[in-house]
Amino acid sequence: MMEAGVHFGHGARKWNPRMSPYISAKCKGIHILNVTRTARFLSEACDFVFYASSRGKQFLIVGTKNKAAVSVARAAIRARCHVFYAK
């Protein structure tokens, strides 16, 4: 996760105080996210999605980054999910 840069959060001036438990540091005006906590919650989210999909639930995948639009669309098609692009 560190190589992919997922530990970089939003700019320090654009933050919600409820995010404080998930922020481990502040560097050059950017909050650094707690990667250990992120990995744990990501694992729990994956378990939830697996459980729901095994019971036939449908999902909507939302993409918010133009650069990732193609990747998000491919993933949604492969997973037989609905996709929405927020611009």
C-alpha atoms as a PDB file:
ATOM      1  CA  MET A   1       0.000   0.000   0.000  1.00  0.00           C
ATOM      2  CA  MET A   2       2.899   2.340   0.663  1.00  0.00           C
ATOM      3  CA  GLU A   3       4.262   1.829  -2.878  1.00  0.00           C
ATOM      4  CA  ALA A   4       0.858   2.679  -4.356  1.00  0.00           C
ATOM      5  CA  GLY A   5       0.752   5.902  -2.338  1.00  0.00           C
ATOM      6  CA  VAL A   6      -2.496   5.119  -0.524  1.00  0.00           C
ATOM      7  CA  HIS A   7      -1.109   6.550   2.688  1.00  0.00           C
ATOM      8  CA  PHE A   8      -1.454  10.112   1.375  1.00  0.00           C
ATOM      9  CA  GLY A   9      -4.749  11.654   2.397  1.00  0.00           C
ATOM     10  CA  HIS A  10      -6.278  15.015   1.580  1.00  0.00           C
ATOM     11  CA  GLY A  11      -4.637  18.313   2.238  1.00  0.00           C
ATOM     12  CA  ALA A  12      -4.518  19.186   5.924  1.00  0.00           C
ATOM     13  CA  ARG A  13      -6.803  22.181   5.434  1.00  0.00           C
ATOM     14  CA  LYS A  14      -9.584  20.031   3.893  1.00  0.00           C
ATOM     15  CA  TRP A  15     -10.164  17.566   6.670  1.00  0.00           C
ATOM     16  CA  ASN A  16     -13.043  16.401   8.790  1.00  0.00           C
ATOM     17  CA  PRO A  17     -12.304  16.172  12.545  1.00  0.00           C
ATOM     18  CA  ARG A  18     -13.901  12.702  12.620  1.00  0.00           C
ATOM     19  CA  MET A  19     -10.944  11.469  10.565  1.00  0.00           C
ATOM     20  CA  SER A  20      -8.454  12.094  13.378  1.00  0.00           C
ATOM     21  CA  PRO A  21      -8.320   8.428  14.527  1.00  0.00           C
ATOM     22  CA  TYR A  22      -7.209   7.422  11.015  1.00  0.00           C
ATOM     23  CA  ILE A  23      -4.491  10.051  10.575  1.00  0.00           C
ATOM     24  CA  SER A  24      -1.020   9.115  11.785  1.00  0.00           C
ATOM     25  CA  ALA A  25       0.946  12.254  10.848  1.00  0.00           C
ATOM     26  CA  LYS A  26       0.984  15.512   8.924  1.00  0.00           C
ATOM     27  CA  CYS A  27       3.767  16.175   6.402  1.00  0.00           C
ATOM     28  CA  LYS A  28       4.081  19.208   4.111  1.00  0.00           C
ATOM     29  CA  GLY A  29       0.400  20.097   4.493  1.00  0.00           C
ATOM     30  CA  ILE A  30      -0.864  16.568   3.748  1.00  0.00           C
ATOM     31  CA  HIS A  31      -2.306  14.136   6.259  1.00  0.00           C
ATOM     32  CA  ILE A  32      -0.642  10.717   6.270  1.00  0.00           C
ATOM     33  CA  LEU A  33      -3.152   7.932   6.851  1.00  0.00           C
ATOM     34  CA  ASN A  34      -2.586   5.053   9.251  1.00  0.00           C
ATOM     35  CA  VAL A  35      -1.873   2.211   6.793  1.00  0.00           C
ATOM     36  CA  THR A  36      -2.312  -0.554   9.380  1.00  0.00           C
ATOM     37  CA  ARG A  37      -5.785   0.630  10.292  1.00  0.00           C
ATOM     38  CA  THR A  38      -6.652   1.165   6.620  1.00  0.00           C
ATOM     39  CA  ALA A  39      -5.618  -2.413   5.763  1.00  0.00           C
ATOM     40  CA  ARG A  40      -7.703  -3.837   8.602  1.00  0.00           C
ATOM     41  CA  PHE A  41     -10.851  -1.945   7.585  1.00  0.00           C
ATOM     42  CA  LEU A  42     -10.273  -2.742   3.906  1.00  0.00           C
ATOM     43  CA  SER A  43     -10.146  -6.428   4.816  1.00  0.00           C
ATOM     44  CA  GLU A  44     -13.419  -6.113   6.749  1.00  0.00           C
ATOM     45  CA  ALA A  45     -15.023  -4.315   3.790  1.00  0.00           C
ATOM     46  CA  CYS A  46     -13.905  -7.094   1.428  1.00  0.00           C
ATOM     47  CA  ASP A  47     -15.421  -9.711   3.743  1.00  0.00           C
ATOM     48  CA  PHE A  48     -18.698  -7.753   3.816  1.00  0.00           C
ATOM     49  CA  VAL A  49     -18.820  -7.470   0.008  1.00  0.00           C
ATOM     50  CA  PHE A  50     -18.028 -11.179  -0.390  1.00  0.00           C
ATOM     51  CA  TYR A  51     -20.779 -12.104   2.092  1.00  0.00           C
ATOM     52  CA  ALA A  52     -23.353  -9.831   0.424  1.00  0.00           C
ATOM     53  CA  SER A  53     -22.483 -10.949  -3.103  1.00  0.00           C
ATOM     54  CA  SER A  54     -22.750 -14.614  -2.123  1.00  0.00           C
ATOM     55  CA  ARG A  55     -26.368 -13.861  -1.230  1.00  0.00           C
ATOM     56  CA  GLY A  56     -27.093 -12.276  -4.632  1.00  0.00           C
ATOM     57  CA  LYS A  57     -26.930  -8.610  -3.641  1.00  0.00           C
ATOM     58  CA  GLN A  58     -26.177  -6.040  -6.358  1.00  0.00           C
ATOM     59  CA  PHE A  59     -23.597  -3.270  -6.127  1.00  0.00           C
ATOM     60  CA  LEU A  60     -23.085   0.190  -7.575  1.00  0.00           C
ATOM     61  CA  ILE A  61     -19.455   1.091  -8.183  1.00  0.00           C
ATOM     62  CA  VAL A  62     -18.835   4.841  -8.167  1.00  0.00           C
ATOM     63  CA  GLY A  63     -15.786   6.396  -9.805  1.00  0.00           C
ATOM     64  CA  THR A  64     -14.713   9.930  -8.930  1.00  0.00           C
ATOM     65  CA  LYS A  65     -11.355  10.198 -10.702  1.00  0.00           C
ATOM     66  CA  ASN A  66     -11.210  10.739 -14.466  1.00  0.00           C
ATOM     67  CA  LYS A  67      -7.868   8.920 -14.663  1.00  0.00           C
ATOM     68  CA  ALA A  68      -9.400   5.783 -13.164  1.00  0.00           C
ATOM     69  CA  ALA A  69     -12.592   5.778 -15.276  1.00  0.00           C
ATOM     70  CA  VAL A  70     -11.471   3.003 -17.620  1.00  0.00           C
ATOM     71  CA  SER A  71     -10.201   0.785 -14.791  1.00  0.00           C
ATOM     72  CA  VAL A  72     -13.367   1.321 -12.757  1.00  0.00           C
ATOM     73  CA  ALA A  73     -15.575   0.507 -15.759  1.00  0.00           C
ATOM     74  CA  ARG A  74     -13.626  -2.689 -16.501  1.00  0.00           C
ATOM     75  CA  ALA A  75     -13.843  -3.819 -12.878  1.00  0.00           C
ATOM     76  CA  ALA A  76     -17.594  -3.129 -12.787  1.00  0.00           C
ATOM     77  CA  ILE A  77     -18.190  -5.050 -16.002  1.00  0.00           C
ATOM     78  CA  ARG A  78     -16.111  -8.012 -14.799  1.00  0.00           C
ATOM     79  CA  ALA A  79     -18.003  -8.055 -11.498  1.00  0.00           C
ATOM     80  CA  ARG A  80     -21.368  -7.588 -13.259  1.00  0.00           C
ATOM     81  CA  CYS A  81     -22.050  -4.427 -11.245  1.00  0.00           C
ATOM     82  CA  HIS A  82     -23.578  -1.081 -12.105  1.00  0.00           C
ATOM     83  CA  VAL A  83     -21.154   1.805 -12.592  1.00  0.00           C
ATOM     84  CA  PHE A  84     -21.546   5.573 -12.116  1.00  0.00           C
ATOM     85  CA  TYR A  85     -19.058   8.337 -12.925  1.00  0.00           C
ATOM     86  CA  ALA A  86     -19.259  11.422 -10.729  1.00  0.00           C
ATOM     87  CA  LYS A  87     -17.686  14.383 -12.500  1.00  0.00           C
END
